[in-house]
Protein backbone atom coordinates (compact mmCIF):
# COMPACT_ATOMS: atom_id res chain seq x y z
CA MET A 1 7.40 -27.01 -40.58
CA THR A 2 10.11 -24.64 -41.80
CA ARG A 3 7.64 -23.17 -44.38
CA ASN A 4 5.05 -22.70 -41.67
CA ILE A 5 7.58 -20.98 -39.37
CA GLY A 6 8.60 -18.59 -42.14
CA LEU A 7 4.96 -17.74 -42.91
CA ILE A 8 4.33 -17.12 -39.17
CA LEU A 9 7.41 -14.88 -38.91
CA VAL A 10 6.32 -12.63 -41.80
CA THR A 11 2.61 -12.53 -40.78
CA THR A 12 3.25 -11.89 -37.19
CA LEU A 13 5.69 -8.93 -37.82
CA ALA A 14 3.04 -7.40 -40.11
CA ILE A 15 0.27 -7.83 -37.52
CA LEU A 16 2.50 -6.40 -34.77
CA PHE A 17 2.82 -3.22 -36.64
CA LEU A 18 -0.69 -3.03 -37.86
CA GLY A 19 -2.23 0.09 -36.43
CA ARG A 20 1.14 1.26 -35.07
CA ALA A 21 2.90 2.43 -38.24
CA ASN A 22 4.03 5.42 -36.49
CA SER A 23 6.72 3.70 -34.46
CA HIS A 24 7.85 7.09 -33.01
CA GLY A 25 4.61 7.24 -31.09
CA ALA A 26 4.91 3.65 -29.87
CA VAL A 27 8.54 3.98 -28.52
CA PRO A 28 8.72 5.71 -25.13
CA ASP A 29 11.38 8.21 -24.16
CA ASP A 30 13.24 5.75 -21.96
CA ALA A 31 13.91 3.30 -24.88
CA TYR A 32 16.17 5.82 -26.55
CA MET A 33 18.64 5.60 -23.68
CA PHE A 34 19.80 2.36 -25.32
CA ILE A 35 20.53 4.37 -28.46
CA ARG A 36 22.59 6.94 -26.63
CA TYR A 37 24.79 4.23 -25.11
CA ALA A 38 25.14 2.65 -28.53
CA ASN A 39 26.08 5.88 -30.16
CA ASN A 40 28.68 6.53 -27.49
CA PHE A 41 30.08 3.05 -27.92
CA TRP A 42 30.52 3.50 -31.71
CA ALA A 43 32.08 6.92 -31.07
CA GLY A 44 34.78 5.14 -29.21
CA HIS A 45 33.63 6.09 -25.67
CA GLY A 46 32.77 2.60 -24.53
CA ILE A 47 29.60 1.73 -22.66
CA ALA A 48 29.22 5.35 -21.34
CA TRP A 49 26.40 7.76 -20.89
CA ASN A 50 28.39 10.78 -21.77
CA PRO A 51 31.16 11.57 -24.28
CA ASP A 52 33.71 11.69 -21.58
CA GLY A 53 33.94 7.93 -21.63
CA VAL A 54 33.11 7.31 -17.97
CA ALA A 55 31.59 3.91 -17.90
CA SER A 56 28.01 3.62 -16.56
CA TYR A 57 25.71 0.74 -15.91
CA GLY A 58 22.63 2.84 -16.59
CA THR A 59 20.45 0.42 -18.53
CA THR A 60 18.67 -2.29 -16.60
CA SER A 61 19.28 -4.80 -19.45
CA ILE A 62 22.96 -5.01 -20.34
CA LEU A 63 22.08 -7.84 -22.81
CA TYR A 64 19.57 -5.71 -24.60
CA GLU A 65 22.14 -2.84 -24.71
CA ILE A 66 24.75 -5.11 -26.37
CA ILE A 67 22.03 -6.28 -28.91
CA ILE A 68 21.22 -2.60 -29.68
CA ILE A 69 24.91 -1.73 -30.08
CA ILE A 70 25.37 -4.58 -32.54
CA ILE A 71 22.28 -3.63 -34.56
CA LEU A 72 23.15 0.04 -34.65
CA GLY A 73 26.65 -0.89 -35.82
CA LEU A 74 25.19 -2.80 -38.71
CA PHE A 75 22.60 -0.20 -39.60
CA ARG A 76 24.23 3.14 -38.69
CA HIS A 77 21.76 5.29 -40.60
CA ALA A 78 18.63 3.49 -39.75
CA ASP A 79 15.70 5.21 -37.95
CA TYR A 80 16.24 4.88 -34.24
CA ALA A 81 12.50 4.16 -33.48
CA LEU A 82 12.47 1.47 -36.23
CA ILE A 83 15.59 -0.21 -34.77
CA LEU A 84 14.06 -0.25 -31.27
CA SER A 85 10.55 -1.33 -32.19
CA THR A 86 11.65 -3.91 -34.70
CA THR A 87 14.06 -5.45 -32.16
CA SER A 88 11.40 -5.73 -29.44
CA ALA A 89 8.92 -7.20 -32.07
CA LEU A 90 11.41 -9.81 -33.11
CA PHE A 91 11.90 -10.99 -29.44
CA GLY A 92 8.18 -10.98 -28.88
CA LEU A 93 7.81 -13.29 -31.90
CA LEU A 94 10.70 -15.53 -30.80
CA THR A 95 8.99 -15.87 -27.44
CA LEU A 96 5.87 -17.30 -28.97
CA MET A 97 7.98 -19.68 -31.06
CA VAL A 98 9.77 -20.99 -28.00
CA ILE A 99 6.53 -21.29 -25.96
CA THR A 100 4.97 -23.20 -28.89
CA LEU A 101 7.94 -25.54 -29.05
CA THR A 102 7.84 -26.05 -25.29
CA CYS A 103 4.11 -26.95 -25.24
CA TRP A 104 4.69 -29.28 -28.24
CA GLN A 105 7.62 -31.05 -26.71
CA PHE A 106 6.30 -31.44 -23.12
CA ILE A 107 2.57 -31.58 -23.40
CA LYS A 108 2.22 -33.23 -26.80
CA GLN A 109 -1.53 -33.59 -26.81
CA LEU A 110 -1.71 -31.54 -30.08
CA PRO A 111 0.34 -31.59 -33.29
CA PHE A 112 2.79 -28.81 -33.75
CA THR A 113 0.63 -26.81 -36.21
CA MET A 114 -2.27 -26.79 -33.75
CA TRP A 115 0.03 -25.48 -31.01
CA VAL A 116 1.18 -22.74 -33.30
CA ILE A 117 -2.36 -21.67 -34.13
CA LEU A 118 -3.62 -21.98 -30.47
CA ILE A 119 -0.78 -19.92 -28.92
CA PHE A 120 -0.52 -17.31 -31.63
CA VAL A 121 -4.28 -16.76 -31.66
CA MET A 122 -4.40 -16.52 -27.88
CA ILE A 123 -1.46 -14.34 -27.20
CA LEU A 124 -0.72 -12.24 -30.27
CA PRO A 125 -3.88 -10.11 -30.23
CA THR A 126 -3.63 -9.26 -26.54
CA PRO A 127 -3.06 -5.54 -25.89
CA LEU A 128 -0.15 -6.15 -23.44
CA PHE A 129 1.78 -8.35 -25.79
CA ARG A 130 1.26 -6.06 -28.77
CA TYR A 131 2.17 -2.98 -26.74
CA HIS A 132 5.48 -4.42 -25.48
CA SER A 133 6.34 -5.84 -28.86
CA VAL A 134 6.71 -2.32 -30.35
CA THR A 135 8.00 -0.24 -27.50
CA GLY A 136 11.64 -0.90 -28.17
CA MET A 137 12.21 -1.66 -24.42
CA ASP A 138 13.69 -4.87 -22.94
CA ALA A 139 10.43 -6.52 -21.79
CA THR A 140 10.21 -8.92 -24.79
CA LEU A 141 13.93 -9.81 -24.57
CA SER A 142 13.37 -10.76 -20.90
CA MET A 143 10.20 -12.71 -21.88
CA PHE A 144 12.28 -14.58 -24.49
CA CYS A 145 15.01 -15.47 -22.10
CA ASN A 146 12.49 -16.74 -19.57
CA SER A 147 10.92 -18.92 -22.26
CA LEU A 148 14.34 -20.44 -22.88
CA LEU A 149 14.93 -21.05 -19.23
CA LEU A 150 11.52 -22.76 -19.07
CA TYR A 151 12.40 -24.99 -22.05
CA ALA A 152 15.85 -25.85 -20.85
CA THR A 153 14.71 -26.71 -17.36
CA LEU A 154 11.85 -28.92 -18.54
CA ASN A 155 14.12 -30.57 -21.05
CA THR A 156 16.53 -31.51 -18.24
CA VAL A 157 14.00 -32.76 -15.61
CA LEU A 158 11.40 -34.37 -17.96
CA LYS A 159 13.68 -35.87 -20.59
CA GLN A 160 16.67 -36.66 -18.31
CA ARG A 161 19.07 -34.44 -20.13
CA PRO A 162 22.32 -32.74 -18.72
CA TRP A 163 21.74 -29.70 -16.59
CA TRP A 164 24.42 -27.35 -17.97
CA PRO A 165 22.00 -25.78 -20.64
CA ILE A 166 19.92 -24.46 -17.73
CA VAL A 167 23.03 -22.62 -16.49
CA ILE A 168 23.43 -20.85 -19.91
CA ALA A 169 19.75 -20.04 -20.15
CA ALA A 170 19.74 -18.73 -16.59
CA PHE A 171 22.86 -16.51 -17.06
CA PHE A 172 21.35 -14.91 -20.16
CA THR A 173 18.00 -14.43 -18.35
CA PHE A 174 19.81 -12.52 -15.59
CA GLN A 175 21.52 -10.42 -18.16
CA ALA A 176 18.21 -9.67 -19.78
CA ARG A 177 16.81 -8.23 -16.50
CA PRO A 178 18.37 -8.73 -13.02
CA ASP A 179 14.81 -8.90 -11.54
CA ASN A 180 14.72 -12.47 -13.00
CA LEU A 181 17.12 -13.47 -10.23
CA ILE A 182 14.56 -15.29 -8.13
CA TYR A 183 13.48 -17.32 -11.09
CA ILE A 184 16.97 -18.40 -12.21
CA TYR A 185 17.65 -19.84 -8.83
CA LEU A 186 14.38 -21.17 -7.43
CA PHE A 187 12.79 -22.64 -10.62
CA PRO A 188 15.67 -24.91 -11.79
CA VAL A 189 16.60 -25.96 -8.26
CA LEU A 190 13.04 -26.91 -7.22
CA ALA A 191 12.62 -28.76 -10.57
CA LEU A 192 15.90 -30.74 -10.11
CA LEU A 193 15.12 -31.52 -6.48
CA TRP A 194 11.33 -32.26 -6.62
CA LEU A 195 10.92 -33.71 -10.09
CA LYS A 196 14.20 -35.36 -10.93
CA GLN A 197 15.30 -36.11 -7.38
CA ALA A 198 18.75 -35.09 -8.47
CA LYS A 199 20.30 -33.48 -5.39
CA ARG A 200 23.86 -33.44 -6.79
CA GLU A 201 22.70 -31.84 -10.01
CA ALA A 202 20.76 -29.23 -8.01
CA ILE A 203 23.91 -28.39 -6.00
CA GLY A 204 26.06 -28.40 -9.14
CA TYR A 205 23.69 -26.01 -10.78
CA THR A 206 23.58 -23.69 -7.80
CA LEU A 207 27.34 -23.60 -7.57
CA ALA A 208 27.77 -23.08 -11.29
CA ILE A 209 25.24 -20.19 -11.63
CA SER A 210 26.49 -18.61 -8.40
CA GLY A 211 30.06 -18.65 -9.60
CA LEU A 212 29.09 -17.14 -12.92
CA LEU A 213 27.18 -14.31 -11.14
CA VAL A 214 30.05 -13.59 -8.88
CA ILE A 215 32.40 -13.34 -11.81
CA ASP A 216 29.71 -11.23 -13.61
CA ALA A 217 29.55 -8.84 -10.65
CA LEU A 218 33.21 -8.47 -10.44
CA MET A 219 33.50 -7.81 -14.17
CA LYS A 220 30.74 -5.28 -14.19
CA THR A 221 32.25 -3.48 -11.17
CA TRP A 222 35.51 -3.32 -13.03
CA LEU A 223 34.16 -2.34 -16.42
CA LEU A 224 30.92 -0.49 -15.51
CA ASN A 225 31.70 0.81 -11.98
CA SER A 226 28.72 -1.00 -10.49
CA PRO A 227 27.73 -4.64 -10.07
CA LEU A 228 24.09 -3.79 -10.46
CA PRO A 229 22.21 -1.45 -12.76
CA LEU A 230 22.02 2.07 -11.33
CA PRO A 231 18.19 2.18 -11.81
CA PHE A 232 18.06 -0.71 -9.18
CA PHE A 233 19.00 1.97 -6.59
CA ALA A 234 17.21 4.94 -8.09
CA LYS A 235 13.87 3.10 -8.30
CA SER A 236 13.87 1.73 -4.75
CA TYR A 237 11.02 2.76 -2.59
CA GLN A 238 11.35 6.32 -1.12
CA TYR A 239 14.61 6.90 -2.91
CA TYR A 240 13.30 10.23 -4.06
CA ASP A 241 11.93 12.30 -1.18
CA GLY A 242 8.99 14.38 -2.35
CA TYR A 243 8.40 12.24 -5.39
CA LEU A 244 4.78 13.05 -6.39
CA GLY A 245 4.71 10.38 -9.13
CA ILE A 246 4.53 7.55 -6.67
CA TYR A 247 0.76 7.32 -7.31
CA ALA A 248 1.21 7.13 -11.06
CA TRP A 249 3.00 3.80 -10.89
CA ASN A 250 0.58 1.55 -8.96
CA PRO A 251 1.85 -2.01 -8.67
CA MET A 252 -1.58 -3.37 -7.83
CA SER A 253 -3.01 -1.79 -10.91
CA TYR A 254 -0.25 -3.37 -13.05
CA LEU A 255 -0.66 -6.77 -11.38
CA ILE A 256 -4.47 -6.64 -12.11
CA GLN A 257 -3.76 -5.62 -15.66
CA PHE A 258 -1.33 -8.54 -16.15
CA SER A 259 -3.74 -11.05 -14.44
CA ALA A 260 -6.44 -9.93 -16.78
CA SER A 261 -4.31 -10.53 -19.83
CA ILE A 262 -3.60 -14.11 -18.74
CA LEU A 263 -7.18 -14.85 -17.49
CA PRO A 264 -7.79 -17.73 -19.81
CA PHE A 265 -4.70 -19.57 -18.34
CA LEU A 266 -5.71 -18.68 -14.73
CA ILE A 267 -9.05 -20.23 -15.49
CA LEU A 268 -7.38 -23.50 -16.71
CA LEU A 269 -5.22 -23.51 -13.55
CA VAL A 270 -8.10 -23.00 -11.18
CA LEU A 271 -10.44 -25.53 -12.83
CA PHE A 272 -8.14 -28.29 -13.89
CA THR A 273 -5.11 -28.44 -11.62
CA ASN A 274 -5.07 -31.85 -9.84
CA LYS A 275 -2.74 -34.04 -7.77
CA GLN A 276 -0.86 -35.28 -10.89
CA THR A 277 -0.06 -31.74 -12.18
CA VAL A 278 0.09 -29.63 -9.10
CA LYS A 279 3.73 -30.37 -8.31
CA LEU A 280 5.14 -29.02 -11.56
CA ILE A 281 2.67 -26.14 -11.60
CA ILE A 282 3.86 -25.06 -8.10
CA ILE A 283 7.49 -25.34 -9.20
CA ILE A 284 6.73 -23.10 -12.23
CA LEU A 285 4.71 -20.48 -10.51
CA LEU A 286 5.99 -20.24 -6.97
CA PRO A 287 8.98 -18.04 -8.18
CA ALA A 288 6.48 -15.73 -9.87
CA ILE A 289 4.58 -15.14 -6.68
CA ILE A 290 7.85 -14.32 -4.81
CA THR A 291 9.03 -12.07 -7.71
CA PHE A 292 5.78 -10.16 -7.81
CA SER A 293 6.04 -9.59 -4.04
CA TYR A 294 9.48 -8.05 -4.57
CA LEU A 295 8.08 -5.82 -7.30
CA PHE A 296 5.74 -4.25 -4.85
CA THR A 297 8.73 -2.97 -2.92
CA ALA A 298 10.03 -0.93 -5.89
CA VAL A 299 8.73 2.19 -7.52
CA GLN A 300 7.68 0.94 -10.94
CA ILE A 301 8.54 4.02 -12.94
CA MET A 302 7.79 3.48 -16.61
CA GLY A 303 5.93 0.27 -15.58
CA MET A 304 2.92 1.01 -17.82
CA GLU A 305 1.03 -1.94 -19.25
CA ALA A 306 2.42 -4.21 -16.60
CA ARG A 307 5.96 -3.94 -18.06
CA PHE A 308 7.64 -5.62 -15.11
CA TYR A 309 5.19 -8.60 -15.00
CA VAL A 310 5.03 -9.39 -18.73
CA PRO A 311 8.47 -11.14 -18.84
CA PHE A 312 6.94 -13.95 -16.79
CA LEU A 313 4.16 -14.63 -19.23
CA PRO A 314 5.66 -17.88 -20.61
CA TYR A 315 5.40 -19.59 -17.31
CA PHE A 316 1.66 -18.92 -16.94
CA ILE A 317 0.92 -20.00 -20.52
CA PHE A 318 2.69 -23.33 -20.04
CA ALA A 319 1.27 -23.93 -16.56
CA GLY A 320 -2.31 -23.22 -17.85
CA PHE A 321 -2.01 -25.76 -20.71
CA TYR A 322 -0.20 -28.28 -18.57
CA ALA A 323 -3.09 -28.33 -16.12
CA LEU A 324 -5.12 -29.98 -18.89
CA THR A 325 -2.68 -32.80 -19.41
CA LYS A 326 -4.07 -35.11 -16.69
CA PRO A 327 -7.80 -34.30 -16.76
CA THR A 328 -10.21 -35.76 -14.22
CA THR A 329 -13.86 -36.34 -14.80
CA PRO A 330 -15.61 -33.18 -13.46
CA SER A 331 -18.22 -33.60 -10.86
CA LEU A 332 -20.27 -31.11 -8.92
CA ASN A 333 -18.68 -31.72 -5.46
CA LEU A 334 -17.38 -29.49 -2.74
CA ASN A 335 -13.96 -29.31 -4.47
CA MET A 336 -15.41 -28.20 -7.81
CA LEU A 337 -17.78 -25.69 -6.05
CA THR A 338 -14.78 -24.19 -4.25
CA ARG A 339 -12.87 -23.85 -7.49
CA ILE A 340 -15.84 -22.16 -9.14
CA LEU A 341 -16.09 -19.78 -6.26
CA VAL A 342 -12.36 -18.99 -6.46
CA LEU A 343 -12.82 -18.35 -10.15
CA MET A 344 -15.76 -16.05 -9.61
CA LEU A 345 -13.86 -14.09 -7.07
CA LEU A 346 -10.76 -13.85 -9.32
CA THR A 347 -12.86 -12.68 -12.34
CA THR A 348 -14.69 -10.15 -10.18
CA ALA A 349 -11.47 -8.64 -8.86
CA LEU A 350 -10.04 -8.14 -12.39
CA ILE A 351 -12.96 -6.04 -13.67
CA PRO A 352 -14.16 -2.60 -12.71
CA PRO A 353 -15.32 -1.48 -10.22
CA ALA A 354 -13.57 -4.09 -8.00
CA SER A 355 -10.21 -3.81 -9.75
CA THR A 356 -10.23 0.01 -9.35
CA THR A 357 -11.16 -0.33 -5.74
CA LEU A 358 -8.29 -2.73 -5.13
CA ALA A 359 -5.74 -0.45 -6.80
CA GLU A 360 -7.06 2.55 -4.87
CA THR A 361 -7.14 0.63 -1.59
CA TRP A 362 -3.44 -0.29 -2.10
CA GLN A 363 -2.45 3.30 -2.56
CA SER A 364 -4.51 4.40 0.46
CA TYR A 365 -3.10 1.86 2.94
CA PHE A 366 0.43 1.05 1.73
CA VAL A 367 1.80 4.19 -0.15
CA ARG A 368 2.94 7.02 2.04
CA GLN A 369 1.72 10.40 0.99
CA PRO A 370 4.71 12.33 -0.36
CA THR A 371 5.45 15.90 0.63
CA ASN A 372 5.08 18.44 -2.16
CA TYR A 373 7.98 20.84 -2.11
CA ASN A 374 7.06 22.71 -5.30
CA ASP A 375 6.64 26.43 -4.74
CA SER A 376 7.35 27.80 -8.17
CA PRO A 377 4.41 28.77 -10.40
CA ARG A 378 3.16 26.63 -13.31
CA ASN A 379 2.41 27.81 -16.74
CA PRO A 380 -1.45 27.90 -17.16
CA ASN A 381 -0.87 27.22 -20.88
CA ASP A 382 1.17 24.09 -20.18
CA LEU A 383 2.22 21.81 -22.96
CA ASP A 384 2.38 18.02 -22.76
CA TRP A 385 5.80 16.49 -22.05
CA GLY A 386 6.22 15.15 -25.59
CA LYS A 387 6.11 18.64 -27.00
CA LYS A 388 8.40 20.00 -24.33
CA ILE A 389 10.93 17.33 -25.17
CA LEU A 390 10.85 18.33 -28.84
CA ILE A 391 11.27 22.02 -28.02
CA PHE A 392 14.31 21.33 -25.80
CA LEU A 393 15.72 19.04 -28.51
CA LYS A 394 15.76 21.94 -30.94
CA LEU A 395 18.31 23.66 -28.62
CA SER A 396 20.28 20.52 -27.75
CA GLU A 397 21.01 19.62 -31.41
CA LYS A 398 22.54 23.06 -31.89
CA LEU A 399 24.84 22.93 -28.84
CA PRO A 400 28.55 22.18 -29.44
CA PRO A 401 30.26 19.03 -28.01
CA ASN A 402 30.46 18.61 -24.28
CA THR A 403 28.08 21.41 -23.49
CA LYS A 404 26.85 20.62 -19.95
CA VAL A 405 23.08 20.24 -19.87
CA SER A 406 21.11 19.13 -16.76
CA LEU A 407 17.73 17.56 -17.36
CA SER A 408 15.63 14.52 -16.40
CA GLU A 409 13.76 13.74 -19.57
CA TYR A 410 16.84 12.68 -21.42
CA GLY A 411 16.11 9.54 -23.49
CA TYR A 412 15.06 10.99 -26.85
CA ILE A 413 17.18 14.08 -26.45
CA GLY A 414 20.26 12.11 -25.49
CA ALA A 415 19.88 9.85 -28.53
CA LEU A 416 19.49 12.67 -31.04
CA ALA A 417 21.97 14.95 -29.40
CA PRO A 418 24.84 12.62 -28.47
CA GLN A 419 27.38 15.37 -28.28
CA ILE A 420 26.07 17.06 -25.23
CA TYR A 421 27.18 16.21 -21.71
CA ILE A 422 24.03 15.35 -19.77
CA VAL A 423 24.29 15.98 -16.04
CA ASP A 424 22.06 13.26 -14.53
CA THR A 425 20.02 14.50 -11.57
CA LEU A 426 18.00 11.30 -11.20
CA GLY A 427 20.74 8.75 -10.64
CA LEU A 428 19.81 6.43 -13.51
CA HIS A 429 23.30 6.93 -15.11
CA ALA A 430 25.36 8.73 -12.56
CA LYS A 431 26.82 6.39 -9.98
CA GLU A 432 27.41 9.11 -7.32
CA VAL A 433 23.75 10.12 -7.49
CA ALA A 434 22.45 6.55 -7.57
CA TYR A 435 24.56 5.47 -4.54
CA HIS A 436 24.32 8.64 -2.44
CA GLY A 437 21.30 10.60 -3.65
CA PHE A 438 20.93 13.92 -5.42
CA SER A 439 23.03 16.89 -4.10
CA ALA A 440 22.42 20.48 -5.21
CA ASP A 441 25.90 21.34 -4.02
CA ASN A 442 27.40 18.79 -6.48
CA LEU A 443 25.19 20.07 -9.25
CA MET A 444 26.32 23.61 -8.71
CA THR A 445 29.90 22.44 -8.63
CA THR A 446 29.40 20.72 -12.00
CA ALA A 447 28.03 24.14 -13.20
CA PRO A 448 25.88 23.09 -16.17
CA ASP A 449 25.56 25.59 -18.96
CA ILE A 450 21.80 25.07 -18.96
CA ILE A 451 19.35 23.49 -16.44
CA TRP A 452 16.00 22.10 -17.43
CA LEU A 453 14.47 21.46 -14.04
CA PRO A 454 13.33 17.96 -13.38
CA HIS A 455 9.74 16.97 -13.89
CA TYR A 456 7.26 18.49 -11.40
CA ASP A 457 6.96 15.03 -9.83
CA TYR A 458 10.50 15.40 -8.45
CA SER A 459 9.42 18.24 -6.17
CA LYS A 460 12.29 18.13 -3.66
CA LEU A 461 14.98 18.06 -6.43
CA ARG A 462 13.38 21.05 -7.92
CA TYR A 463 13.13 22.83 -4.57
CA GLU A 464 16.84 22.16 -3.71
CA ILE A 465 18.02 23.39 -7.02
CA THR A 466 16.01 26.61 -7.23
CA HIS A 467 16.72 27.56 -3.58
CA HIS A 468 20.49 27.02 -3.72
CA PRO A 469 22.42 30.27 -3.33
CA GLN A 470 24.61 29.62 -6.37
CA PHE A 471 21.48 29.01 -8.51
CA LYS A 472 20.06 32.40 -7.77
CA ALA A 473 23.46 34.09 -8.22
CA ASN A 474 24.72 32.33 -11.34
CA TYR A 475 21.58 31.58 -13.43
CA ASP A 476 18.91 33.39 -15.29
CA PHE A 477 15.67 31.55 -14.45
CA TYR A 478 12.61 31.25 -16.52
CA PRO A 479 10.11 29.32 -14.30
CA LEU A 480 7.24 29.28 -16.68
CA PHE A 481 9.06 28.03 -19.72
CA LEU A 482 9.01 24.23 -20.05
CA ASP A 483 8.34 24.06 -16.26
CA GLY A 484 11.66 25.85 -15.57
CA ILE A 485 14.76 26.69 -17.61
CA ALA A 486 17.89 28.22 -16.16
CA ILE A 487 20.73 29.65 -18.24
CA LYS A 488 24.16 30.17 -16.71
CA LYS A 489 25.09 33.81 -16.73
CA ASN A 490 28.81 34.16 -16.49
CA ASN A 491 31.33 32.65 -18.97
CA ASN A 492 28.62 30.72 -20.82
CA PRO A 493 29.99 30.12 -24.32
CA ASN A 494 26.61 29.13 -25.71
CA ILE A 495 24.63 32.14 -24.28
CA GLU A 496 23.80 33.50 -27.81
CA VAL A 497 22.50 30.16 -28.99
CA MET A 498 20.43 29.79 -25.92
CA THR A 499 19.09 33.27 -25.98
CA ALA A 500 18.02 32.89 -29.58
CA TRP A 501 16.30 29.69 -28.74
CA LEU A 502 14.43 31.39 -25.83
CA HIS A 503 13.22 34.12 -28.17
CA GLN A 504 12.02 31.65 -30.70
CA TYR A 505 9.68 30.16 -28.20
CA GLU A 506 8.66 33.45 -26.51
CA ASN A 507 4.98 32.66 -26.68
CA PHE A 508 5.47 29.61 -24.49
CA LYS A 509 6.89 31.64 -21.61
């Protein structure tokens, strides 16, 4: 078995990177935020967004941040994209290993080798799994922790083992992503109460995990100045007035995408769930339904390829296979006809044009039309955002330490220019902005040396900045360059560097 696992490890890593050799293209801008925090940590600034050392809970996954900090400490000169993509690939692989072990232990109808082949063949080639395994984001870590929670809970209730391992798994699952909160409470408690009939253990587990989370919140408030990740506030619905990107992050579209990727398991659930298996399946999947409902209340920025749904993949895989453990003799009765009808409706809803109609209907009826505050001209020869980030990086790398730079696309730039002080206008890393919203007055008081206006989607932020009296008085504004660059006029020690950079890209203005 050990030899097989080693072979799977090597083969899987090779397959994951097949066709994605250019890891820089696979890793999104946001992933590099983990690198900036890690760089600041090893520079002696603690878990801080800026070199001033002010602690910030700006990454949604504190566990993933700690892992990246450790890896970067071990490999200080390694390529950042390689660190990120390899880490997410590793946790994707570990997830498949834990799911395989879980099915082998608790379903048992196949030998271990067959489970390995079945799960790896069914999951590894899927576009969603491969995508998230090389992005360098925290999705696969969250998926891995959820698979551990699934295994620990089933091991306790089906094999009559102690419940304390569930507490450990649940705590790490919460640290992987706080939006796992519903699962870490509801799934183990329902399993202990409904399957094991262990009321005392359910109460003990609830008290234990609640106590840990209270201590965790107090520690994070003390060390990171916030009990919850700042993006939790900044990505709440209607947090940004005039946010035009609301239509780009469609939760219905992402749910359809995720459902299509697990369609084989949904088919098994619809066709083969019976009275003997339905109890455990409800216990496993009810938290997912509630969690997905919550996700519809948030703006799923950077939620491409169903990023916020993918962490719950292990539950659907196990539930689908578990539905087959107590098969009944199929017969063409009303019950089976109803199942077939449900399956036909489900399949139809997941493919165009029905899936497109569902996503558009959600937007039309449930998403409020944002007000567009943009009134500055756009460059007719506009560049894509990737090229704009690279152009701005050329300046950022030349700036001396603690130069104040205001921008919104700050992942890759922040990682490769760790010396600059990034003035956060979005509230992902600045507590004041996350808790109280953006203020142009506060931005002008901070007096950045250079302002790269936020993305056009943040129309009200752009409007408030460009129409502030101090902005017009204190900054030279180039509205057509990179969608808006402003350079501080008076007492700007970096004016020569910035001016030379502007001249270098004269054709883009």
